[in-house]
Amino acid sequence: MMPSPCSCMSFNPETRRLSIGLDNGTISEFILSEDYNKMTPVKNYQAHQSRVTMILFVLELEWVLSTGQDKQFAWHCSESGQRLGGYRTSAVASGLQFDVETRHVFIGDHSGQVTILKLEQENCSLVTTFRGHTGGVTALCWDPVQRVLFSGSSDHSVIMWDIGGRKGTAIELQGHNDRVQALSYAQHTRQLISCGGDGGIVVWNMDVERQETPEWLDSDSCQKCDQPFFWNFKQMWDSKKIGLRQHHCRKCGKAVCGKCSSKRSSIPLMGFEFEVRVCDSCHEAITDEERAPTATFHDSKHNIVHVHFDPTRGWLLTSGTDKVIKLWDMTPVVS
């Protein structure tokens, strides 16, 4: 029986160490017996001022990383129980990943920002922050081999950040109709599994050369036919034409009118698995090969809130708002 409601947990199978975050900001640590019939209390960490939101145990360094609703990221030594350091984030954290080799921690928060910190034994330094989502970050997933970070968001999108390439490349993946709830990565096949509140399970092939989505260009008139947009009063008066609504081509990023962007197309290599608005000239240029899907879509038939992927067996566990837990054999699609 815990002294406060439990808010999150982390389990390490190798050491059978169970870390439980509580609403009062404490992290309680237990060791489970070999037959899993007994929990032995080990220590408590006074980690946060309010609810613990995430815990990550790093066996190689004997560190316990955590975030809380107090907007604090903290890390403790699991051997001594001593607090090693902390960092205040701009918003409540909602995603936490760690790279053992470089000691970089990745923190996603409700504002949509991802913060990268470099951890030392007793201090940390800010490496960088980046923002690509219009909604809060809901999930993070780190691939230490390709050195790529995936972030899912309430804006229905997934972004792949090329951390190792050091070029700031960010690839968008659009395949959900609701918030992205969880991300898992199969390193051996280079496939990303994203699960959404819409019940969708999407398996993305990341072993293809993807393209960045272009930045949307600003213009006072259509960059195809030169018709003025509705705020361009001078050109409207000079040409005696009614102003049009502005749209953007998802392939080239140009500002276009509705007449010059009447077509729709999927652009899977840019992450658009669904049909999106493109200008007429880009629509003609897109080949059938470029329209070939790079993801498979599956309906879990429940609103997913939690996911766990076992890469060794290829099993995916989902739990939903319908109080049902489902176990999926993903080997036919993750192989």
C-alpha atoms as a PDB file:
ATOM      1  CA  MET A   1       0.000   0.000   0.000  1.00  0.00           C
ATOM      2  CA  MET A   2       1.487   3.337  -1.122  1.00  0.00           C
ATOM      3  CA  PRO A   3       1.208   6.599   0.891  1.00  0.00           C
ATOM      4  CA  SER A   4      -0.033   8.494  -2.183  1.00  0.00           C
ATOM      5  CA  PRO A   5      -1.725   7.615  -5.513  1.00  0.00           C
ATOM      6  CA  CYS A   6       0.670   6.103  -8.077  1.00  0.00           C
ATOM      7  CA  SER A   7       1.196   8.156 -11.253  1.00  0.00           C
ATOM      8  CA  CYS A   8       3.848   6.230 -13.265  1.00  0.00           C
ATOM      9  CA  MET A   9       6.308   3.348 -13.024  1.00  0.00           C
ATOM     10  CA  SER A  10       9.458   1.939 -14.553  1.00  0.00           C
ATOM     11  CA  PHE A  11      10.591  -1.695 -14.374  1.00  0.00           C
ATOM     12  CA  ASN A  12      14.055  -3.084 -15.157  1.00  0.00           C
ATOM     13  CA  PRO A  13      13.864  -6.866 -15.827  1.00  0.00           C
ATOM     14  CA  GLU A  14      17.623  -7.446 -15.411  1.00  0.00           C
ATOM     15  CA  THR A  15      17.727  -6.169 -11.834  1.00  0.00           C
ATOM     16  CA  ARG A  16      13.965  -6.675 -11.113  1.00  0.00           C
ATOM     17  CA  ARG A  17      13.994  -3.075  -9.894  1.00  0.00           C
ATOM     18  CA  LEU A  18      10.567  -1.400  -9.823  1.00  0.00           C
ATOM     19  CA  SER A  19      10.437   2.414  -9.525  1.00  0.00           C
ATOM     20  CA  ILE A  20       7.036   3.947  -8.801  1.00  0.00           C
ATOM     21  CA  GLY A  21       6.259   7.656  -9.102  1.00  0.00           C
ATOM     22  CA  LEU A  22       3.643   9.107  -6.765  1.00  0.00           C
ATOM     23  CA  ASP A  23       1.288  12.077  -6.772  1.00  0.00           C
ATOM     24  CA  ASN A  24       3.174  13.644  -3.854  1.00  0.00           C
ATOM     25  CA  GLY A  25       6.424  13.842  -5.871  1.00  0.00           C
ATOM     26  CA  THR A  26       8.133  10.829  -4.275  1.00  0.00           C
ATOM     27  CA  ILE A  27       9.709   7.951  -6.226  1.00  0.00           C
ATOM     28  CA  SER A  28       9.534   4.653  -4.305  1.00  0.00           C
ATOM     29  CA  GLU A  29      11.903   1.872  -5.301  1.00  0.00           C
ATOM     30  CA  PHE A  30      11.351  -1.884  -4.800  1.00  0.00           C
ATOM     31  CA  ILE A  31      13.186  -5.079  -5.680  1.00  0.00           C
ATOM     32  CA  LEU A  32      10.948  -7.921  -6.834  1.00  0.00           C
ATOM     33  CA  SER A  33      11.670 -11.517  -5.839  1.00  0.00           C
ATOM     34  CA  GLU A  34      12.606 -14.060  -8.528  1.00  0.00           C
ATOM     35  CA  ASP A  35       9.123 -15.600  -8.452  1.00  0.00           C
ATOM     36  CA  TYR A  36       7.532 -12.111  -8.566  1.00  0.00           C
ATOM     37  CA  ASN A  37       5.551 -12.828  -5.386  1.00  0.00           C
ATOM     38  CA  LYS A  38       7.265 -10.332  -3.089  1.00  0.00           C
ATOM     39  CA  MET A  39       8.214  -6.637  -3.233  1.00  0.00           C
ATOM     40  CA  THR A  40      11.032  -5.474  -0.966  1.00  0.00           C
ATOM     41  CA  PRO A  41      11.202  -1.688  -0.366  1.00  0.00           C
ATOM     42  CA  VAL A  42      14.670  -0.292  -1.110  1.00  0.00           C
ATOM     43  CA  LYS A  43      14.554   3.501  -0.884  1.00  0.00           C
ATOM     44  CA  ASN A  44      12.508   6.638  -1.521  1.00  0.00           C
ATOM     45  CA  TYR A  45      13.624   9.645  -3.583  1.00  0.00           C
ATOM     46  CA  GLN A  46      12.139  13.046  -2.737  1.00  0.00           C
ATOM     47  CA  ALA A  47      12.283  13.931  -6.418  1.00  0.00           C
ATOM     48  CA  HIS A  48       9.558  16.519  -7.094  1.00  0.00           C
ATOM     49  CA  GLN A  49       7.206  19.027  -5.478  1.00  0.00           C
ATOM     50  CA  SER A  50       4.149  17.533  -7.206  1.00  0.00           C
ATOM     51  CA  ARG A  51       3.075  14.508  -9.258  1.00  0.00           C
ATOM     52  CA  VAL A  52       5.833  12.467 -10.928  1.00  0.00           C
ATOM     53  CA  THR A  53       4.974  12.169 -14.633  1.00  0.00           C
ATOM     54  CA  MET A  54       7.771   9.925 -15.984  1.00  0.00           C
ATOM     55  CA  ILE A  55      10.592   7.704 -14.692  1.00  0.00           C
ATOM     56  CA  LEU A  56      13.536   6.244 -16.597  1.00  0.00           C
ATOM     57  CA  PHE A  57      16.077   3.931 -14.928  1.00  0.00           C
ATOM     58  CA  VAL A  58      19.534   3.851 -16.577  1.00  0.00           C
ATOM     59  CA  LEU A  59      21.237   0.632 -15.506  1.00  0.00           C
ATOM     60  CA  GLU A  60      24.625   1.433 -17.108  1.00  0.00           C
ATOM     61  CA  LEU A  61      25.046   4.596 -15.007  1.00  0.00           C
ATOM     62  CA  GLU A  62      22.865   3.642 -12.023  1.00  0.00           C
ATOM     63  CA  TRP A  63      20.784   6.781 -12.573  1.00  0.00           C
ATOM     64  CA  VAL A  64      17.069   7.390 -12.038  1.00  0.00           C
ATOM     65  CA  LEU A  65      15.748  10.106 -14.367  1.00  0.00           C
ATOM     66  CA  SER A  66      12.362  11.680 -13.717  1.00  0.00           C
ATOM     67  CA  THR A  67      10.040  14.544 -14.641  1.00  0.00           C
ATOM     68  CA  GLY A  68       7.183  16.056 -12.658  1.00  0.00           C
ATOM     69  CA  GLN A  69       4.261  18.424 -12.876  1.00  0.00           C
ATOM     70  CA  ASP A  70       6.466  20.973 -11.112  1.00  0.00           C
ATOM     71  CA  LYS A  71       8.175  21.413 -14.555  1.00  0.00           C
ATOM     72  CA  GLN A  72      11.357  19.929 -13.145  1.00  0.00           C
ATOM     73  CA  PHE A  73      13.590  17.277 -14.675  1.00  0.00           C
ATOM     74  CA  ALA A  74      15.732  15.539 -12.030  1.00  0.00           C
ATOM     75  CA  TRP A  75      18.210  12.691 -11.859  1.00  0.00           C
ATOM     76  CA  HIS A  76      19.334  10.689  -8.829  1.00  0.00           C
ATOM     77  CA  CYS A  77      22.013   8.114  -8.097  1.00  0.00           C
ATOM     78  CA  SER A  78      20.225   4.805  -7.526  1.00  0.00           C
ATOM     79  CA  GLU A  79      23.089   3.491  -5.358  1.00  0.00           C
ATOM     80  CA  SER A  80      23.281   6.371  -2.868  1.00  0.00           C
ATOM     81  CA  GLY A  81      19.795   7.847  -3.386  1.00  0.00           C
ATOM     82  CA  GLN A  82      21.445  11.282  -3.717  1.00  0.00           C
ATOM     83  CA  ARG A  83      20.006  13.905  -6.067  1.00  0.00           C
ATOM     84  CA  LEU A  84      22.616  14.669  -8.747  1.00  0.00           C
ATOM     85  CA  GLY A  85      20.962  17.622 -10.450  1.00  0.00           C
ATOM     86  CA  GLY A  86      17.890  19.149 -12.056  1.00  0.00           C
ATOM     87  CA  TYR A  87      16.637  21.399 -14.843  1.00  0.00           C
ATOM     88  CA  ARG A  88      13.454  23.465 -15.139  1.00  0.00           C
ATOM     89  CA  THR A  89      11.560  22.996 -18.417  1.00  0.00           C
ATOM     90  CA  SER A  90       9.313  25.608 -20.048  1.00  0.00           C
ATOM     91  CA  ALA A  91       6.224  23.402 -19.632  1.00  0.00           C
ATOM     92  CA  VAL A  92       5.202  20.113 -17.991  1.00  0.00           C
ATOM     93  CA  ALA A  93       7.204  17.283 -19.558  1.00  0.00           C
ATOM     94  CA  SER A  94       5.335  14.621 -21.522  1.00  0.00           C
ATOM     95  CA  GLY A  95       8.171  12.614 -23.097  1.00  0.00           C
ATOM     96  CA  LEU A  96      11.546  11.393 -21.801  1.00  0.00           C
ATOM     97  CA  GLN A  97      14.362   9.503 -23.581  1.00  0.00           C
ATOM     98  CA  PHE A  98      18.068   9.014 -22.833  1.00  0.00           C
ATOM     99  CA  ASP A  99      21.155   8.134 -24.875  1.00  0.00           C
ATOM    100  CA  VAL A 100      23.643   6.209 -22.729  1.00  0.00           C
ATOM    101  CA  GLU A 101      26.639   6.686 -25.051  1.00  0.00           C
ATOM    102  CA  THR A 102      26.562  10.503 -25.162  1.00  0.00           C
ATOM    103  CA  ARG A 103      24.592  11.063 -21.914  1.00  0.00           C
ATOM    104  CA  HIS A 104      22.075  13.227 -23.730  1.00  0.00           C
ATOM    105  CA  VAL A 105      18.545  13.392 -22.353  1.00  0.00           C
ATOM    106  CA  PHE A 106      15.590  14.356 -24.573  1.00  0.00           C
ATOM    107  CA  ILE A 107      12.571  16.006 -22.914  1.00  0.00           C
ATOM    108  CA  GLY A 108       9.341  16.737 -24.789  1.00  0.00           C
ATOM    109  CA  ASP A 109       6.770  19.007 -23.166  1.00  0.00           C
ATOM    110  CA  HIS A 110       3.162  20.179 -23.452  1.00  0.00           C
ATOM    111  CA  SER A 111       4.186  23.356 -25.296  1.00  0.00           C
ATOM    112  CA  GLY A 112       5.460  21.273 -28.237  1.00  0.00           C
ATOM    113  CA  GLN A 113       9.136  21.897 -27.478  1.00  0.00           C
ATOM    114  CA  VAL A 114      11.884  19.255 -27.274  1.00  0.00           C
ATOM    115  CA  THR A 115      14.848  20.056 -25.005  1.00  0.00           C
ATOM    116  CA  ILE A 116      18.223  18.287 -25.236  1.00  0.00           C
ATOM    117  CA  LEU A 117      20.444  18.287 -22.147  1.00  0.00           C
ATOM    118  CA  LYS A 118      23.955  16.915 -21.643  1.00  0.00           C
ATOM    119  CA  LEU A 119      24.184  15.217 -18.228  1.00  0.00           C
ATOM    120  CA  GLU A 120      27.351  14.990 -16.161  1.00  0.00           C
ATOM    121  CA  GLN A 121      27.771  13.367 -12.767  1.00  0.00           C
ATOM    122  CA  GLU A 122      26.559  16.418 -10.839  1.00  0.00           C
ATOM    123  CA  ASN A 123      25.477  19.028 -13.401  1.00  0.00           C
ATOM    124  CA  CYS A 124      23.856  19.424 -16.792  1.00  0.00           C
ATOM    125  CA  SER A 125      24.141  21.812 -19.725  1.00  0.00           C
ATOM    126  CA  LEU A 126      21.567  22.842 -22.301  1.00  0.00           C
ATOM    127  CA  VAL A 127      22.534  21.591 -25.770  1.00  0.00           C
ATOM    128  CA  THR A 128      19.585  22.937 -27.773  1.00  0.00           C
ATOM    129  CA  THR A 129      15.815  23.194 -27.998  1.00  0.00           C
ATOM    130  CA  PHE A 130      13.702  22.684 -31.097  1.00  0.00           C
ATOM    131  CA  ARG A 131      10.053  23.013 -31.948  1.00  0.00           C
ATOM    132  CA  GLY A 132       8.170  21.560 -34.906  1.00  0.00           C
ATOM    133  CA  HIS A 133       4.753  20.642 -33.533  1.00  0.00           C
ATOM    134  CA  THR A 134       1.737  22.914 -33.293  1.00  0.00           C
ATOM    135  CA  GLY A 135       0.468  20.855 -30.344  1.00  0.00           C
ATOM    136  CA  GLY A 136       2.053  19.375 -27.237  1.00  0.00           C
ATOM    137  CA  VAL A 137       4.532  16.496 -27.454  1.00  0.00           C
ATOM    138  CA  THR A 138       2.795  13.276 -26.396  1.00  0.00           C
ATOM    139  CA  ALA A 139       5.527  10.675 -27.029  1.00  0.00           C
ATOM    140  CA  LEU A 140       9.268  10.389 -27.699  1.00  0.00           C
ATOM    141  CA  CYS A 141      11.265   7.474 -29.116  1.00  0.00           C
ATOM    142  CA  TRP A 142      15.064   7.368 -29.553  1.00  0.00           C
ATOM    143  CA  ASP A 143      17.012   5.197 -32.015  1.00  0.00           C
ATOM    144  CA  PRO A 144      20.611   5.062 -30.676  1.00  0.00           C
ATOM    145  CA  VAL A 145      21.931   3.290 -33.802  1.00  0.00           C
ATOM    146  CA  GLN A 146      20.770   5.746 -36.475  1.00  0.00           C
ATOM    147  CA  ARG A 147      20.815   8.556 -33.863  1.00  0.00           C
ATOM    148  CA  VAL A 148      17.318   9.676 -34.753  1.00  0.00           C
ATOM    149  CA  LEU A 149      14.643  11.031 -32.391  1.00  0.00           C
ATOM    150  CA  PHE A 150      10.933  10.573 -33.115  1.00  0.00           C
ATOM    151  CA  SER A 151       8.329  12.820 -31.500  1.00  0.00           C
ATOM    152  CA  GLY A 152       4.559  12.339 -31.556  1.00  0.00           C
ATOM    153  CA  SER A 153       2.098  15.112 -30.823  1.00  0.00           C
ATOM    154  CA  SER A 154      -1.490  16.082 -30.124  1.00  0.00           C
ATOM    155  CA  ASP A 155      -1.387  17.791 -33.557  1.00  0.00           C
ATOM    156  CA  HIS A 156      -1.758  14.234 -35.048  1.00  0.00           C
ATOM    157  CA  SER A 157       1.781  14.241 -36.518  1.00  0.00           C
ATOM    158  CA  VAL A 158       5.093  12.451 -35.952  1.00  0.00           C
ATOM    159  CA  ILE A 159       8.414  14.209 -36.625  1.00  0.00           C
ATOM    160  CA  MET A 160      11.719  12.428 -37.213  1.00  0.00           C
ATOM    161  CA  TRP A 161      14.650  14.579 -36.006  1.00  0.00           C
ATOM    162  CA  ASP A 162      18.056  13.625 -37.445  1.00  0.00           C
ATOM    163  CA  ILE A 163      20.190  14.305 -34.367  1.00  0.00           C
ATOM    164  CA  GLY A 164      23.250  12.364 -35.541  1.00  0.00           C
ATOM    165  CA  GLY A 165      23.358  14.019 -38.969  1.00  0.00           C
ATOM    166  CA  ARG A 166      23.875  17.445 -37.323  1.00  0.00           C
ATOM    167  CA  LYS A 167      22.049  19.152 -40.211  1.00  0.00           C
ATOM    168  CA  GLY A 168      18.815  19.887 -38.376  1.00  0.00           C
ATOM    169  CA  THR A 169      16.805  17.704 -40.740  1.00  0.00           C
ATOM    170  CA  ALA A 170      13.190  17.192 -39.636  1.00  0.00           C
ATOM    171  CA  ILE A 171      10.887  14.802 -41.511  1.00  0.00           C
ATOM    172  CA  GLU A 172       7.119  14.963 -40.930  1.00  0.00           C
ATOM    173  CA  LEU A 173       4.948  11.831 -40.882  1.00  0.00           C
ATOM    174  CA  GLN A 174       1.195  12.401 -41.286  1.00  0.00           C
ATOM    175  CA  GLY A 175      -0.825   9.223 -40.779  1.00  0.00           C
ATOM    176  CA  HIS A 176      -3.226   9.789 -37.869  1.00  0.00           C
ATOM    177  CA  ASN A 177      -6.597  11.499 -37.496  1.00  0.00           C
ATOM    178  CA  ASP A 178      -6.194  12.047 -33.750  1.00  0.00           C
ATOM    179  CA  ARG A 179      -3.407  12.659 -31.224  1.00  0.00           C
ATOM    180  CA  VAL A 180      -0.411  10.324 -31.371  1.00  0.00           C
ATOM    181  CA  GLN A 181      -0.410   8.412 -28.080  1.00  0.00           C
ATOM    182  CA  ALA A 182       2.720   6.251 -28.279  1.00  0.00           C
ATOM    183  CA  LEU A 183       5.782   5.473 -30.409  1.00  0.00           C
ATOM    184  CA  SER A 184       7.898   2.312 -30.617  1.00  0.00           C
ATOM    185  CA  TYR A 185      10.831   1.543 -32.890  1.00  0.00           C
ATOM    186  CA  ALA A 186      12.002  -1.805 -34.305  1.00  0.00           C
ATOM    187  CA  GLN A 187      15.735  -1.233 -34.842  1.00  0.00           C
ATOM    188  CA  HIS A 188      16.415  -4.491 -36.707  1.00  0.00           C
ATOM    189  CA  THR A 189      13.906  -3.651 -39.458  1.00  0.00           C
ATOM    190  CA  ARG A 190      14.024   0.172 -39.186  1.00  0.00           C
ATOM    191  CA  GLN A 191      10.273   0.424 -38.736  1.00  0.00           C
ATOM    192  CA  LEU A 192       8.443   2.916 -36.548  1.00  0.00           C
ATOM    193  CA  ILE A 193       5.148   1.976 -34.895  1.00  0.00           C
ATOM    194  CA  SER A 194       2.866   4.876 -34.003  1.00  0.00           C
ATOM    195  CA  CYS A 195      -0.457   4.473 -32.189  1.00  0.00           C
ATOM    196  CA  GLY A 196      -3.151   7.119 -31.989  1.00  0.00           C
ATOM    197  CA  GLY A 197      -6.220   8.098 -30.050  1.00  0.00           C
ATOM    198  CA  ASP A 198      -8.195   7.278 -33.204  1.00  0.00           C
ATOM    199  CA  GLY A 199      -7.334   3.595 -32.676  1.00  0.00           C
ATOM    200  CA  GLY A 200      -4.950   3.582 -35.618  1.00  0.00           C
ATOM    201  CA  ILE A 201      -1.715   1.577 -35.544  1.00  0.00           C
ATOM    202  CA  VAL A 202       0.652   2.772 -38.291  1.00  0.00           C
ATOM    203  CA  VAL A 203       3.852   0.910 -39.200  1.00  0.00           C
ATOM    204  CA  TRP A 204       6.252   3.258 -41.015  1.00  0.00           C
ATOM    205  CA  ASN A 205       9.118   2.038 -43.185  1.00  0.00           C
ATOM    206  CA  MET A 206      12.035   4.265 -42.157  1.00  0.00           C
ATOM    207  CA  ASP A 207      14.500   2.428 -44.422  1.00  0.00           C
ATOM    208  CA  VAL A 208      13.652   4.750 -47.335  1.00  0.00           C
ATOM    209  CA  GLU A 209      15.143   8.111 -48.248  1.00  0.00           C
ATOM    210  CA  ARG A 210      12.551  10.584 -47.064  1.00  0.00           C
ATOM    211  CA  GLN A 211      12.275  14.272 -47.941  1.00  0.00           C
ATOM    212  CA  GLU A 212      11.728  17.307 -45.735  1.00  0.00           C
ATOM    213  CA  THR A 213       8.464  19.159 -46.190  1.00  0.00           C
ATOM    214  CA  PRO A 214       9.132  22.627 -47.664  1.00  0.00           C
ATOM    215  CA  GLU A 215       8.561  25.823 -45.714  1.00  0.00           C
ATOM    216  CA  TRP A 216       5.416  27.671 -46.759  1.00  0.00           C
ATOM    217  CA  LEU A 217       6.255  30.752 -48.801  1.00  0.00           C
ATOM    218  CA  ASP A 218       4.654  34.155 -48.180  1.00  0.00           C
ATOM    219  CA  SER A 219       3.116  36.077 -51.040  1.00  0.00           C
ATOM    220  CA  ASP A 220       0.437  38.720 -51.631  1.00  0.00           C
ATOM    221  CA  SER A 221      -0.678  37.025 -54.842  1.00  0.00           C
ATOM    222  CA  CYS A 222      -0.862  33.521 -56.299  1.00  0.00           C
ATOM    223  CA  GLN A 223       2.624  32.370 -57.290  1.00  0.00           C
ATOM    224  CA  LYS A 224       1.150  30.521 -60.272  1.00  0.00           C
ATOM    225  CA  CYS A 225      -1.421  32.862 -61.887  1.00  0.00           C
ATOM    226  CA  ASP A 226      -0.604  36.145 -60.060  1.00  0.00           C
ATOM    227  CA  GLN A 227      -4.200  36.633 -58.908  1.00  0.00           C
ATOM    228  CA  PRO A 228      -4.228  38.843 -55.761  1.00  0.00           C
ATOM    229  CA  PHE A 229      -5.116  37.383 -52.363  1.00  0.00           C
ATOM    230  CA  PHE A 230      -7.985  39.033 -50.501  1.00  0.00           C
ATOM    231  CA  TRP A 231      -5.768  41.257 -48.306  1.00  0.00           C
ATOM    232  CA  ASN A 232      -3.864  42.712 -51.292  1.00  0.00           C
ATOM    233  CA  PHE A 233      -6.135  45.772 -51.777  1.00  0.00           C
ATOM    234  CA  LYS A 234      -3.762  47.653 -54.090  1.00  0.00           C
ATOM    235  CA  GLN A 235      -3.459  44.866 -56.677  1.00  0.00           C
ATOM    236  CA  MET A 236      -7.198  44.151 -56.381  1.00  0.00           C
ATOM    237  CA  TRP A 237      -7.946  47.817 -57.161  1.00  0.00           C
ATOM    238  CA  ASP A 238      -5.365  48.086 -59.970  1.00  0.00           C
ATOM    239  CA  SER A 239      -6.441  44.863 -61.697  1.00  0.00           C
ATOM    240  CA  LYS A 240     -10.160  45.297 -60.849  1.00  0.00           C
ATOM    241  CA  LYS A 241     -10.231  41.684 -59.581  1.00  0.00           C
ATOM    242  CA  ILE A 242     -11.742  40.128 -56.472  1.00  0.00           C
ATOM    243  CA  GLY A 243      -9.158  38.845 -53.971  1.00  0.00           C
ATOM    244  CA  LEU A 244      -8.823  35.084 -53.494  1.00  0.00           C
ATOM    245  CA  ARG A 245      -8.135  32.886 -50.492  1.00  0.00           C
ATOM    246  CA  GLN A 246      -4.540  31.734 -50.021  1.00  0.00           C
ATOM    247  CA  HIS A 247      -3.555  28.036 -49.967  1.00  0.00           C
ATOM    248  CA  HIS A 248      -0.196  26.261 -50.004  1.00  0.00           C
ATOM    249  CA  CYS A 249       1.104  23.376 -52.098  1.00  0.00           C
ATOM    250  CA  ARG A 250       2.394  20.664 -49.749  1.00  0.00           C
ATOM    251  CA  LYS A 251       5.086  19.588 -52.217  1.00  0.00           C
ATOM    252  CA  CYS A 252       6.723  22.895 -53.293  1.00  0.00           C
ATOM    253  CA  GLY A 253       5.438  25.185 -50.525  1.00  0.00           C
ATOM    254  CA  LYS A 254       4.276  27.926 -52.920  1.00  0.00           C
ATOM    255  CA  ALA A 255       1.363  30.198 -52.047  1.00  0.00           C
ATOM    256  CA  VAL A 256      -1.406  29.418 -54.538  1.00  0.00           C
ATOM    257  CA  CYS A 257      -5.092  30.089 -55.106  1.00  0.00           C
ATOM    258  CA  GLY A 258      -7.794  27.421 -55.053  1.00  0.00           C
ATOM    259  CA  LYS A 259      -8.022  27.266 -58.852  1.00  0.00           C
ATOM    260  CA  CYS A 260      -4.283  26.544 -59.208  1.00  0.00           C
ATOM    261  CA  SER A 261      -4.360  23.880 -56.462  1.00  0.00           C
ATOM    262  CA  SER A 262      -7.535  21.953 -57.223  1.00  0.00           C
ATOM    263  CA  LYS A 263      -5.809  18.555 -57.182  1.00  0.00           C
ATOM    264  CA  ARG A 264      -4.999  16.242 -54.259  1.00  0.00           C
ATOM    265  CA  SER A 265      -2.271  13.627 -53.973  1.00  0.00           C
ATOM    266  CA  SER A 266      -0.503  11.513 -51.394  1.00  0.00           C
ATOM    267  CA  ILE A 267       3.271  12.165 -51.087  1.00  0.00           C
ATOM    268  CA  PRO A 268       4.514   9.257 -48.919  1.00  0.00           C
ATOM    269  CA  LEU A 269       8.234  10.151 -49.133  1.00  0.00           C
ATOM    270  CA  MET A 270       7.327  13.522 -47.588  1.00  0.00           C
ATOM    271  CA  GLY A 271       5.282  11.763 -44.917  1.00  0.00           C
ATOM    272  CA  PHE A 272       1.860  12.494 -46.429  1.00  0.00           C
ATOM    273  CA  GLU A 273       0.223   9.069 -46.576  1.00  0.00           C
ATOM    274  CA  PHE A 274      -3.193  10.739 -46.986  1.00  0.00           C
ATOM    275  CA  GLU A 275      -4.065  12.919 -49.978  1.00  0.00           C
ATOM    276  CA  VAL A 276      -3.166  16.593 -49.475  1.00  0.00           C
ATOM    277  CA  ARG A 277      -3.457  19.791 -51.497  1.00  0.00           C
ATOM    278  CA  VAL A 278      -0.836  20.231 -54.254  1.00  0.00           C
ATOM    279  CA  CYS A 279      -0.567  22.752 -57.058  1.00  0.00           C
ATOM    280  CA  ASP A 280      -1.491  21.540 -60.553  1.00  0.00           C
ATOM    281  CA  SER A 281       2.094  21.494 -61.847  1.00  0.00           C
ATOM    282  CA  CYS A 282       3.351  19.433 -58.871  1.00  0.00           C
ATOM    283  CA  HIS A 283       0.408  17.040 -59.302  1.00  0.00           C
ATOM    284  CA  GLU A 284       1.516  16.351 -62.879  1.00  0.00           C
ATOM    285  CA  ALA A 285       5.143  15.883 -61.786  1.00  0.00           C
ATOM    286  CA  ILE A 286       4.406  13.306 -59.046  1.00  0.00           C
ATOM    287  CA  THR A 287       4.952   9.798 -60.444  1.00  0.00           C
ATOM    288  CA  ASP A 288       3.115   6.589 -59.502  1.00  0.00           C
ATOM    289  CA  GLU A 289       6.325   5.362 -57.845  1.00  0.00           C
ATOM    290  CA  GLU A 290       6.361   8.462 -55.624  1.00  0.00           C
ATOM    291  CA  ARG A 291       2.756   7.739 -54.627  1.00  0.00           C
ATOM    292  CA  ALA A 292       3.630   4.203 -53.469  1.00  0.00           C
ATOM    293  CA  PRO A 293       2.793   3.973 -49.713  1.00  0.00           C
ATOM    294  CA  THR A 294       5.637   3.693 -47.201  1.00  0.00           C
ATOM    295  CA  ALA A 295       3.386   2.745 -44.259  1.00  0.00           C
ATOM    296  CA  THR A 296       0.744   0.156 -43.414  1.00  0.00           C
ATOM    297  CA  PHE A 297      -2.419   1.042 -41.500  1.00  0.00           C
ATOM    298  CA  HIS A 298      -4.246  -1.130 -38.957  1.00  0.00           C
ATOM    299  CA  ASP A 299      -7.357  -0.502 -36.863  1.00  0.00           C
ATOM    300  CA  SER A 300      -7.077  -1.519 -33.198  1.00  0.00           C
ATOM    301  CA  LYS A 301     -10.808  -0.835 -32.703  1.00  0.00           C
ATOM    302  CA  HIS A 302     -10.228   1.000 -29.427  1.00  0.00           C
ATOM    303  CA  ASN A 303      -8.903   4.418 -28.370  1.00  0.00           C
ATOM    304  CA  ILE A 304      -5.318   3.620 -27.411  1.00  0.00           C
ATOM    305  CA  VAL A 305      -3.891   5.253 -24.273  1.00  0.00           C
ATOM    306  CA  HIS A 306      -0.837   3.066 -23.579  1.00  0.00           C
ATOM    307  CA  VAL A 307       1.470   0.877 -25.677  1.00  0.00           C
ATOM    308  CA  HIS A 308       4.357  -1.500 -25.054  1.00  0.00           C
ATOM    309  CA  PHE A 309       6.326  -3.198 -27.844  1.00  0.00           C
ATOM    310  CA  ASP A 310       8.428  -6.333 -27.318  1.00  0.00           C
ATOM    311  CA  PRO A 311      10.882  -6.380 -30.276  1.00  0.00           C
ATOM    312  CA  THR A 312      12.274  -9.843 -29.473  1.00  0.00           C
ATOM    313  CA  ARG A 313       8.886 -11.531 -29.958  1.00  0.00           C
ATOM    314  CA  GLY A 314       7.332  -8.903 -32.207  1.00  0.00           C
ATOM    315  CA  TRP A 315       4.392  -8.446 -29.843  1.00  0.00           C
ATOM    316  CA  LEU A 316       2.576  -5.167 -29.297  1.00  0.00           C
ATOM    317  CA  LEU A 317       0.392  -4.564 -26.240  1.00  0.00           C
ATOM    318  CA  THR A 318      -2.224  -1.808 -26.324  1.00  0.00           C
ATOM    319  CA  SER A 319      -4.635  -0.651 -23.642  1.00  0.00           C
ATOM    320  CA  GLY A 320      -7.568   1.649 -24.348  1.00  0.00           C
ATOM    321  CA  THR A 321     -10.249   3.852 -22.847  1.00  0.00           C
ATOM    322  CA  ASP A 322     -12.620   0.880 -23.266  1.00  0.00           C
ATOM    323  CA  LYS A 323     -10.786  -0.834 -20.332  1.00  0.00           C
ATOM    324  CA  VAL A 324      -9.557  -3.557 -22.727  1.00  0.00           C
ATOM    325  CA  ILE A 325      -5.952  -4.765 -23.092  1.00  0.00           C
ATOM    326  CA  LYS A 326      -5.068  -6.232 -26.500  1.00  0.00           C
ATOM    327  CA  LEU A 327      -2.004  -8.212 -27.525  1.00  0.00           C
ATOM    328  CA  TRP A 328      -0.998  -8.054 -31.188  1.00  0.00           C
ATOM    329  CA  ASP A 329       1.364 -10.299 -33.139  1.00  0.00           C
ATOM    330  CA  MET A 330       3.189  -7.736 -35.283  1.00  0.00           C
ATOM    331  CA  THR A 331       5.549 -10.187 -37.018  1.00  0.00           C
ATOM    332  CA  PRO A 332       3.594 -10.185 -40.330  1.00  0.00           C
ATOM    333  CA  VAL A 333       4.173  -6.432 -40.724  1.00  0.00           C
ATOM    334  CA  VAL A 334       7.296  -5.806 -38.613  1.00  0.00           C
ATOM    335  CA  SER A 335       9.734  -8.106 -40.387  1.00  0.00           C
END
